[in-house]
Every structure is written in C-alpha cells, then in structure tokens.
Amino acid sequence: MTDLSNAGTISVAGRTVPRFGFGTMRLTGPKIFGEPADRDECVAVVRAAYDGGVRVFDTAWYYGPDVASPIVKDALSPYADDVVFVSKLGGARTDRGGWKPATSPDELRAGAERECRLLGVDHLPVVHLRWMPGGEADFDGMLATLQSLVDEGTIGAIGLSTVSLEQLDAVVAAGTTVATVSNPYGPGNRDDDALLARCGELGIPFLPYFSLVSSQQHEALDTVAQEIGATPSQVAIAWQLQRSPVVLPIPGTSKTAHLAENLAAAAITLTPEQVEAVG
C-alpha cells in the first residue's frame, strides 16, 4: 500500500481520513462529458486509489453525466465502512455537454436521489452546495433545501463549493455547520487565500479543484521538480499539502500510472524556500 502517512489525517464530517482524496471528474470523456476511452482502466484506478490509502472520493452525478459515480460503484461496491463520498448539487449538463445551474428544490432533491442511485447508497456523507448563479433558487434557498435533505437523512453534512469568503461567513454566522469547502485553488490560482485562511481558523477541510498552474508558475514548479527529482504535478500536490493543514487534495486521473505518481507526492516534503518559490 502507498504510504500516505506524511500527508497526515483530517476529520471529514466526523470521520478521520487520510489527508489525500481522489476526484472522479477525470473518469469521463473529454470535457467531462460522455464515457471514458477505457472504462476498465478507470475502474482499476478507483480500486488502486482505495488500495493506496485514499478514503475520500469526490464525485457528482453530472460528471458524464451518470458516468463517474457508476464507475466508483463498480470499483468499490460493496463499500467498506471507511469510504467517504463527497458529492455536490447545484449544477447540471446540457445536451451538448455544457453546464447549467440546477438550484430549485425539485432539482436538488432529484440530484441527491440520482447520486444515491448511481452510487448504490441510501445516504451521502457530504454534499457540497455548488453555487452556480442563474438558477431558480438563490443561495439561501439552496441551503434550506440541503438542510431539509440532512433532516430527512439523505445527506449527512453540508459542504460549500465555488463560494466566496462572505458566503462562508454568512452560512457559519447563521448557525449552519459547514463540513467542507471546495473551490478552485493551486499554485497558479491563489484568489481564495483569504477563504482558505478562514477554513483554517474554523477547522473546515478545504478540497481544492482545478489546481492548474499558470505559465509563470510552471517555471518554478519545473525548477523545484528538478531539484528534488519529482514531477511538476507532484510538486504542486506537495505544495497544497504544506499550504495548510486543512487542505485535502483531490487530484484525479484515469490512468493507474498517473495515480501512483500522484499518491507518491504525499511523501514529498518541500523546504520553506521551495514552498515560497512555488507560490
């Protein structure tokens, strides 16, 4: 088994898990739409992630749509007690693969039921309110619907995704327990430094996605990678792990070799100078 001990652990909705997750978005076709080129390989990747120590799997019914979560089910079902799914509601897909908001109570409820059906479960441990303006319901309305799903037992805990610091503060001030936050973040995207800092103050796990780097940061990643004999992507993951103890990286892939490379990044410790150089 891959040694994720250097990454440490974190509590997600009351469950202690390794601080290294797996995002399922890449288990789909191009542009997160349709079936992958090699579904069997994708199933093998998810199994290898679990065998490598990963316990948090970030997924959504609209990855594909209806593609990523069934792959997870085929790979891991019947599920071990330590598997933690983090799903999301608030978005949907157009017939041509575009994105659109799905924020009404009926859409959110249908999405939760759909995700449960795809994964083969009757309960979703954590569900992110994925904020996507332009839908039928506003942010507060979505939050109220998700709280109803918590009260009914379909959802275990509420997370927030693609939100601002102000939105997080408002939700916390209103008395809602926020299980996780997930926003775009990485060496090349530091827009949410203040949001991450607040998550650190509150002890809320922060799951970064779309952690791509700009061309300017690529040079620094390459330099550090050459210094330590790693790949630039491994350096980026190691940087995330050292950026804050509440960061829970969720790098995804559809290839087992790439998965092994990602997991190996947990063993990398960057010097303070290298962390500063990357971002």
C-alpha atoms as a PDB file:
ATOM      1  CA  MET A   1       0.000   0.000   0.000  1.00  0.00           C
ATOM      2  CA  THR A   2       1.167   3.533  -0.736  1.00  0.00           C
ATOM      3  CA  ASP A   3       2.327   5.342   2.379  1.00  0.00           C
ATOM      4  CA  LEU A   4       0.147   8.418   2.870  1.00  0.00           C
ATOM      5  CA  SER A   5       1.287   8.929   6.448  1.00  0.00           C
ATOM      6  CA  ASN A   6       3.298  12.034   5.579  1.00  0.00           C
ATOM      7  CA  ALA A   7       0.059  13.702   4.474  1.00  0.00           C
ATOM      8  CA  GLY A   8      -1.459  13.198   7.909  1.00  0.00           C
ATOM      9  CA  THR A   9      -5.145  12.838   8.658  1.00  0.00           C
ATOM     10  CA  ILE A  10      -8.150  15.130   8.784  1.00  0.00           C
ATOM     11  CA  SER A  11     -11.721  14.900  10.053  1.00  0.00           C
ATOM     12  CA  VAL A  12     -14.395  14.999   7.347  1.00  0.00           C
ATOM     13  CA  ALA A  13     -17.946  15.084   8.703  1.00  0.00           C
ATOM     14  CA  GLY A  14     -16.788  13.333  11.858  1.00  0.00           C
ATOM     15  CA  ARG A  15     -14.714  10.679  10.065  1.00  0.00           C
ATOM     16  CA  THR A  16     -10.927  10.646  10.396  1.00  0.00           C
ATOM     17  CA  VAL A  17      -9.389  10.015   6.971  1.00  0.00           C
ATOM     18  CA  PRO A  18      -6.004  10.367   5.275  1.00  0.00           C
ATOM     19  CA  ARG A  19      -5.475  13.921   4.036  1.00  0.00           C
ATOM     20  CA  PHE A  20      -5.425  12.815   0.416  1.00  0.00           C
ATOM     21  CA  GLY A  21      -8.534  12.232  -1.692  1.00  0.00           C
ATOM     22  CA  PHE A  22      -9.472  11.308  -5.231  1.00  0.00           C
ATOM     23  CA  GLY A  23     -11.541  13.410  -7.628  1.00  0.00           C
ATOM     24  CA  THR A  24     -13.616  11.401 -10.094  1.00  0.00           C
ATOM     25  CA  MET A  25     -14.115  14.092 -12.732  1.00  0.00           C
ATOM     26  CA  ARG A  26     -11.392  12.657 -14.999  1.00  0.00           C
ATOM     27  CA  LEU A  27     -13.110   9.259 -15.156  1.00  0.00           C
ATOM     28  CA  THR A  28     -15.243  10.611 -18.001  1.00  0.00           C
ATOM     29  CA  GLY A  29     -14.812  11.515 -21.636  1.00  0.00           C
ATOM     30  CA  PRO A  30     -13.297  14.756 -22.961  1.00  0.00           C
ATOM     31  CA  LYS A  31     -14.578  17.934 -21.301  1.00  0.00           C
ATOM     32  CA  ILE A  32     -16.091  15.825 -18.502  1.00  0.00           C
ATOM     33  CA  PHE A  33     -18.734  14.546 -20.916  1.00  0.00           C
ATOM     34  CA  GLY A  34     -19.562  11.019 -22.039  1.00  0.00           C
ATOM     35  CA  GLU A  35     -17.855   7.717 -21.395  1.00  0.00           C
ATOM     36  CA  PRO A  36     -14.079   7.403 -20.933  1.00  0.00           C
ATOM     37  CA  ALA A  37     -11.900   5.812 -23.601  1.00  0.00           C
ATOM     38  CA  ASP A  38     -11.049   2.887 -21.302  1.00  0.00           C
ATOM     39  CA  ARG A  39     -13.683   2.227 -18.659  1.00  0.00           C
ATOM     40  CA  ASP A  40     -11.945  -0.883 -17.304  1.00  0.00           C
ATOM     41  CA  GLU A  41      -8.829   1.178 -16.636  1.00  0.00           C
ATOM     42  CA  CYS A  42     -10.927   3.766 -14.818  1.00  0.00           C
ATOM     43  CA  VAL A  43     -12.419   1.083 -12.585  1.00  0.00           C
ATOM     44  CA  ALA A  44      -8.898  -0.150 -11.866  1.00  0.00           C
ATOM     45  CA  VAL A  45      -7.789   3.385 -10.992  1.00  0.00           C
ATOM     46  CA  VAL A  46     -10.509   3.788  -8.358  1.00  0.00           C
ATOM     47  CA  ARG A  47      -9.674   0.403  -6.829  1.00  0.00           C
ATOM     48  CA  ALA A  48      -5.996   1.304  -6.787  1.00  0.00           C
ATOM     49  CA  ALA A  49      -6.785   4.616  -5.108  1.00  0.00           C
ATOM     50  CA  TYR A  50      -8.561   2.832  -2.279  1.00  0.00           C
ATOM     51  CA  ASP A  51      -5.816   0.214  -2.030  1.00  0.00           C
ATOM     52  CA  GLY A  52      -3.321   3.082  -1.919  1.00  0.00           C
ATOM     53  CA  GLY A  53      -4.953   4.537   1.168  1.00  0.00           C
ATOM     54  CA  VAL A  54      -7.452   7.025  -0.261  1.00  0.00           C
ATOM     55  CA  ARG A  55     -10.757   7.114   1.573  1.00  0.00           C
ATOM     56  CA  VAL A  56     -12.381  10.361   0.359  1.00  0.00           C
ATOM     57  CA  PHE A  57     -13.883  10.196  -3.120  1.00  0.00           C
ATOM     58  CA  ASP A  58     -15.217  13.437  -4.582  1.00  0.00           C
ATOM     59  CA  THR A  59     -17.877  12.796  -7.209  1.00  0.00           C
ATOM     60  CA  ALA A  60     -21.079  14.136  -8.791  1.00  0.00           C
ATOM     61  CA  TRP A  61     -23.890  12.701 -10.881  1.00  0.00           C
ATOM     62  CA  TYR A  62     -23.288  15.311 -13.570  1.00  0.00           C
ATOM     63  CA  TYR A  63     -19.759  14.084 -14.272  1.00  0.00           C
ATOM     64  CA  GLY A  64     -20.520  12.471 -17.602  1.00  0.00           C
ATOM     65  CA  PRO A  65     -23.355  12.809 -16.686  1.00  0.00           C
ATOM     66  CA  ASP A  66     -24.067   9.488 -14.962  1.00  0.00           C
ATOM     67  CA  VAL A  67     -20.571   8.197 -15.750  1.00  0.00           C
ATOM     68  CA  ALA A  68     -18.123   8.771 -12.872  1.00  0.00           C
ATOM     69  CA  SER A  69     -20.257   7.567  -9.970  1.00  0.00           C
ATOM     70  CA  PRO A  70     -21.208   4.226 -11.591  1.00  0.00           C
ATOM     71  CA  ILE A  71     -17.501   3.607 -12.190  1.00  0.00           C
ATOM     72  CA  VAL A  72     -16.871   4.213  -8.492  1.00  0.00           C
ATOM     73  CA  LYS A  73     -19.671   1.792  -7.648  1.00  0.00           C
ATOM     74  CA  ASP A  74     -18.249  -0.907  -9.917  1.00  0.00           C
ATOM     75  CA  ALA A  75     -14.814  -0.415  -8.374  1.00  0.00           C
ATOM     76  CA  LEU A  76     -15.660  -0.268  -4.669  1.00  0.00           C
ATOM     77  CA  SER A  77     -19.112  -1.723  -4.008  1.00  0.00           C
ATOM     78  CA  PRO A  78     -19.896  -3.273  -1.595  1.00  0.00           C
ATOM     79  CA  TYR A  79     -18.321  -0.343   0.208  1.00  0.00           C
ATOM     80  CA  ALA A  80     -16.044  -0.607   3.200  1.00  0.00           C
ATOM     81  CA  ASP A  81     -17.161   1.346   6.254  1.00  0.00           C
ATOM     82  CA  ASP A  82     -14.301   3.822   5.898  1.00  0.00           C
ATOM     83  CA  VAL A  83     -15.219   5.126   2.418  1.00  0.00           C
ATOM     84  CA  VAL A  84     -16.412   8.757   2.495  1.00  0.00           C
ATOM     85  CA  PHE A  85     -18.227  10.170  -0.512  1.00  0.00           C
ATOM     86  CA  VAL A  86     -18.262  13.911  -1.073  1.00  0.00           C
ATOM     87  CA  SER A  87     -20.816  14.776  -3.726  1.00  0.00           C
ATOM     88  CA  LYS A  88     -22.261  18.042  -4.993  1.00  0.00           C
ATOM     89  CA  LEU A  89     -25.569  19.502  -6.106  1.00  0.00           C
ATOM     90  CA  GLY A  90     -26.466  22.712  -7.874  1.00  0.00           C
ATOM     91  CA  GLY A  91     -25.309  22.047 -11.418  1.00  0.00           C
ATOM     92  CA  ALA A  92     -26.453  20.028 -14.409  1.00  0.00           C
ATOM     93  CA  ARG A  93     -25.445  19.439 -18.039  1.00  0.00           C
ATOM     94  CA  THR A  94     -26.884  20.490 -21.354  1.00  0.00           C
ATOM     95  CA  ASP A  95     -27.369  18.029 -24.195  1.00  0.00           C
ATOM     96  CA  ARG A  96     -24.138  19.258 -25.778  1.00  0.00           C
ATOM     97  CA  GLY A  97     -22.053  18.980 -22.631  1.00  0.00           C
ATOM     98  CA  GLY A  98     -22.380  22.500 -21.342  1.00  0.00           C
ATOM     99  CA  TRP A  99     -23.046  23.469 -17.746  1.00  0.00           C
ATOM    100  CA  LYS A 100     -26.172  24.981 -16.265  1.00  0.00           C
ATOM    101  CA  PRO A 101     -27.492  25.683 -12.766  1.00  0.00           C
ATOM    102  CA  ALA A 102     -29.932  23.263 -11.149  1.00  0.00           C
ATOM    103  CA  THR A 103     -30.868  25.000  -7.923  1.00  0.00           C
ATOM    104  CA  SER A 104     -34.598  24.566  -7.331  1.00  0.00           C
ATOM    105  CA  PRO A 105     -35.810  22.302  -4.506  1.00  0.00           C
ATOM    106  CA  ASP A 106     -37.037  19.718  -7.016  1.00  0.00           C
ATOM    107  CA  GLU A 107     -33.745  19.755  -8.932  1.00  0.00           C
ATOM    108  CA  LEU A 108     -31.641  19.448  -5.788  1.00  0.00           C
ATOM    109  CA  ARG A 109     -33.763  16.650  -4.381  1.00  0.00           C
ATOM    110  CA  ALA A 110     -33.759  14.790  -7.699  1.00  0.00           C
ATOM    111  CA  GLY A 111     -29.993  15.211  -7.909  1.00  0.00           C
ATOM    112  CA  ALA A 112     -29.478  13.727  -4.449  1.00  0.00           C
ATOM    113  CA  GLU A 113     -31.696  10.768  -5.277  1.00  0.00           C
ATOM    114  CA  ARG A 114     -29.920  10.314  -8.602  1.00  0.00           C
ATOM    115  CA  GLU A 115     -26.497  10.315  -6.954  1.00  0.00           C
ATOM    116  CA  CYS A 116     -27.613   7.780  -4.365  1.00  0.00           C
ATOM    117  CA  ARG A 117     -28.929   5.540  -7.114  1.00  0.00           C
ATOM    118  CA  LEU A 118     -25.739   5.812  -9.186  1.00  0.00           C
ATOM    119  CA  LEU A 119     -23.501   5.020  -6.222  1.00  0.00           C
ATOM    120  CA  GLY A 120     -25.846   2.366  -4.857  1.00  0.00           C
ATOM    121  CA  VAL A 121     -26.252   4.007  -1.450  1.00  0.00           C
ATOM    122  CA  ASP A 122     -29.135   5.456   0.531  1.00  0.00           C
ATOM    123  CA  HIS A 123     -27.093   8.181   2.197  1.00  0.00           C
ATOM    124  CA  LEU A 124     -24.486  10.731   1.025  1.00  0.00           C
ATOM    125  CA  PRO A 125     -21.984  11.577   3.805  1.00  0.00           C
ATOM    126  CA  VAL A 126     -21.198  15.073   2.483  1.00  0.00           C
ATOM    127  CA  VAL A 127     -22.858  17.107  -0.259  1.00  0.00           C
ATOM    128  CA  HIS A 128     -21.495  20.413  -1.493  1.00  0.00           C
ATOM    129  CA  LEU A 129     -23.863  23.226  -2.299  1.00  0.00           C
ATOM    130  CA  ARG A 130     -22.287  24.083  -5.654  1.00  0.00           C
ATOM    131  CA  TRP A 131     -23.076  27.754  -6.133  1.00  0.00           C
ATOM    132  CA  MET A 132     -23.886  28.489  -9.768  1.00  0.00           C
ATOM    133  CA  PRO A 133     -25.812  31.774 -10.205  1.00  0.00           C
ATOM    134  CA  GLY A 134     -28.755  31.989 -12.568  1.00  0.00           C
ATOM    135  CA  GLY A 135     -30.914  29.133 -11.324  1.00  0.00           C
ATOM    136  CA  GLU A 136     -34.437  29.230  -9.933  1.00  0.00           C
ATOM    137  CA  ALA A 137     -33.308  29.384  -6.301  1.00  0.00           C
ATOM    138  CA  ASP A 138     -30.898  31.765  -4.638  1.00  0.00           C
ATOM    139  CA  PHE A 139     -28.077  30.681  -2.350  1.00  0.00           C
ATOM    140  CA  ASP A 140     -30.168  30.777   0.820  1.00  0.00           C
ATOM    141  CA  GLY A 141     -32.935  28.790  -0.848  1.00  0.00           C
ATOM    142  CA  MET A 142     -30.481  26.095  -1.899  1.00  0.00           C
ATOM    143  CA  LEU A 143     -29.076  25.943   1.599  1.00  0.00           C
ATOM    144  CA  ALA A 144     -32.564  25.477   3.019  1.00  0.00           C
ATOM    145  CA  THR A 145     -33.250  22.570   0.647  1.00  0.00           C
ATOM    146  CA  LEU A 146     -29.991  20.846   1.520  1.00  0.00           C
ATOM    147  CA  GLN A 147     -30.763  21.271   5.205  1.00  0.00           C
ATOM    148  CA  SER A 148     -34.107  19.552   4.595  1.00  0.00           C
ATOM    149  CA  LEU A 149     -32.232  16.651   2.980  1.00  0.00           C
ATOM    150  CA  VAL A 150     -29.997  16.492   6.053  1.00  0.00           C
ATOM    151  CA  ASP A 151     -33.018  16.430   8.336  1.00  0.00           C
ATOM    152  CA  GLU A 152     -34.504  13.594   6.256  1.00  0.00           C
ATOM    153  CA  GLY A 153     -31.286  11.566   6.369  1.00  0.00           C
ATOM    154  CA  THR A 154     -30.392  11.627   2.672  1.00  0.00           C
ATOM    155  CA  ILE A 155     -27.419  13.894   3.338  1.00  0.00           C
ATOM    156  CA  GLY A 156     -25.112  13.600   6.305  1.00  0.00           C
ATOM    157  CA  ALA A 157     -23.486  17.035   6.170  1.00  0.00           C
ATOM    158  CA  ILE A 158     -23.426  20.157   4.012  1.00  0.00           C
ATOM    159  CA  GLY A 159     -20.345  21.496   2.270  1.00  0.00           C
ATOM    160  CA  LEU A 160     -19.917  24.583   0.091  1.00  0.00           C
ATOM    161  CA  SER A 161     -18.354  24.804  -3.364  1.00  0.00           C
ATOM    162  CA  THR A 162     -17.369  27.746  -5.556  1.00  0.00           C
ATOM    163  CA  VAL A 163     -18.236  30.193  -2.813  1.00  0.00           C
ATOM    164  CA  SER A 164     -16.813  33.453  -1.523  1.00  0.00           C
ATOM    165  CA  LEU A 165     -15.424  34.224   1.897  1.00  0.00           C
ATOM    166  CA  GLU A 166     -18.502  36.337   2.529  1.00  0.00           C
ATOM    167  CA  GLN A 167     -20.826  33.432   1.726  1.00  0.00           C
ATOM    168  CA  LEU A 168     -18.927  31.102   4.047  1.00  0.00           C
ATOM    169  CA  ASP A 169     -19.015  33.642   6.856  1.00  0.00           C
ATOM    170  CA  ALA A 170     -22.749  34.213   6.374  1.00  0.00           C
ATOM    171  CA  VAL A 171     -23.522  30.489   6.493  1.00  0.00           C
ATOM    172  CA  VAL A 172     -21.432  29.989   9.621  1.00  0.00           C
ATOM    173  CA  ALA A 173     -22.960  33.064  11.278  1.00  0.00           C
ATOM    174  CA  ALA A 174     -26.433  31.654  10.589  1.00  0.00           C
ATOM    175  CA  GLY A 175     -25.543  28.566  12.616  1.00  0.00           C
ATOM    176  CA  THR A 176     -25.089  26.012   9.812  1.00  0.00           C
ATOM    177  CA  THR A 177     -22.240  23.568  10.315  1.00  0.00           C
ATOM    178  CA  VAL A 178     -20.058  23.565   7.203  1.00  0.00           C
ATOM    179  CA  ALA A 179     -18.405  20.184   6.704  1.00  0.00           C
ATOM    180  CA  THR A 180     -16.102  21.097   3.817  1.00  0.00           C
ATOM    181  CA  VAL A 181     -15.319  23.833   1.297  1.00  0.00           C
ATOM    182  CA  SER A 182     -14.228  23.160  -2.288  1.00  0.00           C
ATOM    183  CA  ASN A 183     -13.015  25.925  -4.608  1.00  0.00           C
ATOM    184  CA  PRO A 184     -10.518  26.219  -7.459  1.00  0.00           C
ATOM    185  CA  TYR A 185      -7.114  26.608  -5.857  1.00  0.00           C
ATOM    186  CA  GLY A 186      -3.487  25.798  -6.545  1.00  0.00           C
ATOM    187  CA  PRO A 187      -0.041  27.332  -7.107  1.00  0.00           C
ATOM    188  CA  GLY A 188      -1.348  29.222 -10.141  1.00  0.00           C
ATOM    189  CA  ASN A 189      -4.652  30.282  -8.564  1.00  0.00           C
ATOM    190  CA  ARG A 190      -4.355  31.991  -5.204  1.00  0.00           C
ATOM    191  CA  ASP A 191      -7.581  34.014  -5.398  1.00  0.00           C
ATOM    192  CA  ASP A 192      -9.010  32.220  -2.370  1.00  0.00           C
ATOM    193  CA  ASP A 193      -6.102  32.644   0.033  1.00  0.00           C
ATOM    194  CA  ALA A 194      -8.376  34.500   2.456  1.00  0.00           C
ATOM    195  CA  LEU A 195     -11.077  31.839   2.178  1.00  0.00           C
ATOM    196  CA  LEU A 196      -8.527  29.106   2.866  1.00  0.00           C
ATOM    197  CA  ALA A 197      -7.255  31.048   5.865  1.00  0.00           C
ATOM    198  CA  ARG A 198     -10.789  31.247   7.270  1.00  0.00           C
ATOM    199  CA  CYS A 199     -11.239  27.495   6.761  1.00  0.00           C
ATOM    200  CA  GLY A 200      -8.028  27.040   8.720  1.00  0.00           C
ATOM    201  CA  GLU A 201      -9.353  29.198  11.554  1.00  0.00           C
ATOM    202  CA  LEU A 202     -12.606  27.237  11.634  1.00  0.00           C
ATOM    203  CA  GLY A 203     -11.054  23.803  11.094  1.00  0.00           C
ATOM    204  CA  ILE A 204     -13.003  23.200   7.871  1.00  0.00           C
ATOM    205  CA  PRO A 205     -11.396  20.836   5.333  1.00  0.00           C
ATOM    206  CA  PHE A 206     -10.649  22.614   2.046  1.00  0.00           C
ATOM    207  CA  LEU A 207     -10.776  20.461  -1.108  1.00  0.00           C
ATOM    208  CA  PRO A 208      -9.023  22.295  -3.976  1.00  0.00           C
ATOM    209  CA  TYR A 209     -10.085  21.559  -7.543  1.00  0.00           C
ATOM    210  CA  PHE A 210      -8.891  22.773 -10.954  1.00  0.00           C
ATOM    211  CA  SER A 211      -5.489  23.252  -9.320  1.00  0.00           C
ATOM    212  CA  LEU A 212      -3.840  24.138 -12.642  1.00  0.00           C
ATOM    213  CA  VAL A 213      -0.895  26.484 -12.732  1.00  0.00           C
ATOM    214  CA  SER A 214      -0.256  29.494 -14.895  1.00  0.00           C
ATOM    215  CA  SER A 215       2.682  29.593 -17.267  1.00  0.00           C
ATOM    216  CA  GLN A 216       4.605  31.817 -14.849  1.00  0.00           C
ATOM    217  CA  GLN A 217       4.351  29.286 -12.040  1.00  0.00           C
ATOM    218  CA  HIS A 218       5.224  26.420 -14.361  1.00  0.00           C
ATOM    219  CA  GLU A 219       8.846  27.539 -14.386  1.00  0.00           C
ATOM    220  CA  ALA A 220       9.038  27.474 -10.585  1.00  0.00           C
ATOM    221  CA  LEU A 221       7.411  24.045 -10.449  1.00  0.00           C
ATOM    222  CA  ASP A 222       9.860  22.742 -13.031  1.00  0.00           C
ATOM    223  CA  THR A 223      12.809  24.145 -11.123  1.00  0.00           C
ATOM    224  CA  VAL A 224      11.761  22.622  -7.800  1.00  0.00           C
ATOM    225  CA  ALA A 225      10.861  19.344  -9.502  1.00  0.00           C
ATOM    226  CA  GLN A 226      14.347  19.106 -10.956  1.00  0.00           C
ATOM    227  CA  GLU A 227      15.886  19.894  -7.579  1.00  0.00           C
ATOM    228  CA  ILE A 228      14.119  17.013  -5.820  1.00  0.00           C
ATOM    229  CA  GLY A 229      13.737  14.522  -8.672  1.00  0.00           C
ATOM    230  CA  ALA A 230       9.957  14.761  -8.901  1.00  0.00           C
ATOM    231  CA  THR A 231       7.410  15.819 -11.493  1.00  0.00           C
ATOM    232  CA  PRO A 232       5.870  19.316 -11.545  1.00  0.00           C
ATOM    233  CA  SER A 233       2.453  17.878 -10.692  1.00  0.00           C
ATOM    234  CA  GLN A 234       3.922  16.097  -7.670  1.00  0.00           C
ATOM    235  CA  VAL A 235       5.434  19.365  -6.506  1.00  0.00           C
ATOM    236  CA  ALA A 236       2.055  21.086  -6.913  1.00  0.00           C
ATOM    237  CA  ILE A 237       0.335  18.434  -4.779  1.00  0.00           C
ATOM    238  CA  ALA A 238       3.074  18.569  -2.144  1.00  0.00           C
ATOM    239  CA  TRP A 239       2.718  22.366  -2.103  1.00  0.00           C
ATOM    240  CA  GLN A 240      -1.024  22.012  -1.473  1.00  0.00           C
ATOM    241  CA  LEU A 241      -0.418  19.646   1.427  1.00  0.00           C
ATOM    242  CA  GLN A 242       2.043  22.073   3.024  1.00  0.00           C
ATOM    243  CA  ARG A 243      -0.005  25.180   2.251  1.00  0.00           C
ATOM    244  CA  SER A 244      -2.398  24.489   5.138  1.00  0.00           C
ATOM    245  CA  PRO A 245      -3.222  21.547   7.408  1.00  0.00           C
ATOM    246  CA  VAL A 246      -6.881  21.796   6.327  1.00  0.00           C
ATOM    247  CA  VAL A 247      -6.125  21.293   2.623  1.00  0.00           C
ATOM    248  CA  LEU A 248      -7.270  17.885   1.398  1.00  0.00           C
ATOM    249  CA  PRO A 249      -6.002  17.474  -2.188  1.00  0.00           C
ATOM    250  CA  ILE A 250      -8.303  15.558  -4.558  1.00  0.00           C
ATOM    251  CA  PRO A 251      -6.213  15.032  -7.707  1.00  0.00           C
ATOM    252  CA  GLY A 252      -7.953  12.830 -10.243  1.00  0.00           C
ATOM    253  CA  THR A 253      -6.839  10.741 -13.174  1.00  0.00           C
ATOM    254  CA  SER A 254      -7.992   7.940 -15.452  1.00  0.00           C
ATOM    255  CA  LYS A 255      -4.618   6.149 -15.523  1.00  0.00           C
ATOM    256  CA  THR A 256      -3.173   3.878 -12.846  1.00  0.00           C
ATOM    257  CA  ALA A 257       0.403   5.013 -13.549  1.00  0.00           C
ATOM    258  CA  HIS A 258      -0.605   8.642 -13.075  1.00  0.00           C
ATOM    259  CA  LEU A 259      -2.445   7.730  -9.873  1.00  0.00           C
ATOM    260  CA  ALA A 260       0.715   6.127  -8.468  1.00  0.00           C
ATOM    261  CA  GLU A 261       2.612   9.305  -9.309  1.00  0.00           C
ATOM    262  CA  ASN A 262       0.024  11.459  -7.564  1.00  0.00           C
ATOM    263  CA  LEU A 263      -0.053   9.321  -4.428  1.00  0.00           C
ATOM    264  CA  ALA A 264       3.741   9.370  -4.237  1.00  0.00           C
ATOM    265  CA  ALA A 265       3.559  13.148  -3.872  1.00  0.00           C
ATOM    266  CA  ALA A 266       2.320  12.628  -0.306  1.00  0.00           C
ATOM    267  CA  ALA A 267       5.817  11.523   0.686  1.00  0.00           C
ATOM    268  CA  ILE A 268       7.443  14.736  -0.581  1.00  0.00           C
ATOM    269  CA  THR A 269       8.399  17.430   1.909  1.00  0.00           C
ATOM    270  CA  LEU A 270       9.335  20.756   0.371  1.00  0.00           C
ATOM    271  CA  THR A 271      11.676  23.150   2.119  1.00  0.00           C
ATOM    272  CA  PRO A 272      10.250  26.528   3.174  1.00  0.00           C
ATOM    273  CA  GLU A 273      12.239  28.082   0.335  1.00  0.00           C
ATOM    274  CA  GLN A 274      10.738  25.692  -2.190  1.00  0.00           C
ATOM    275  CA  VAL A 275       7.218  26.333  -0.917  1.00  0.00           C
ATOM    276  CA  GLU A 276       7.790  30.072  -1.293  1.00  0.00           C
ATOM    277  CA  ALA A 277       9.255  29.630  -4.769  1.00  0.00           C
ATOM    278  CA  VAL A 278       6.212  27.681  -5.984  1.00  0.00           C
ATOM    279  CA  GLY A 279       3.699  30.147  -4.608  1.00  0.00           C
END
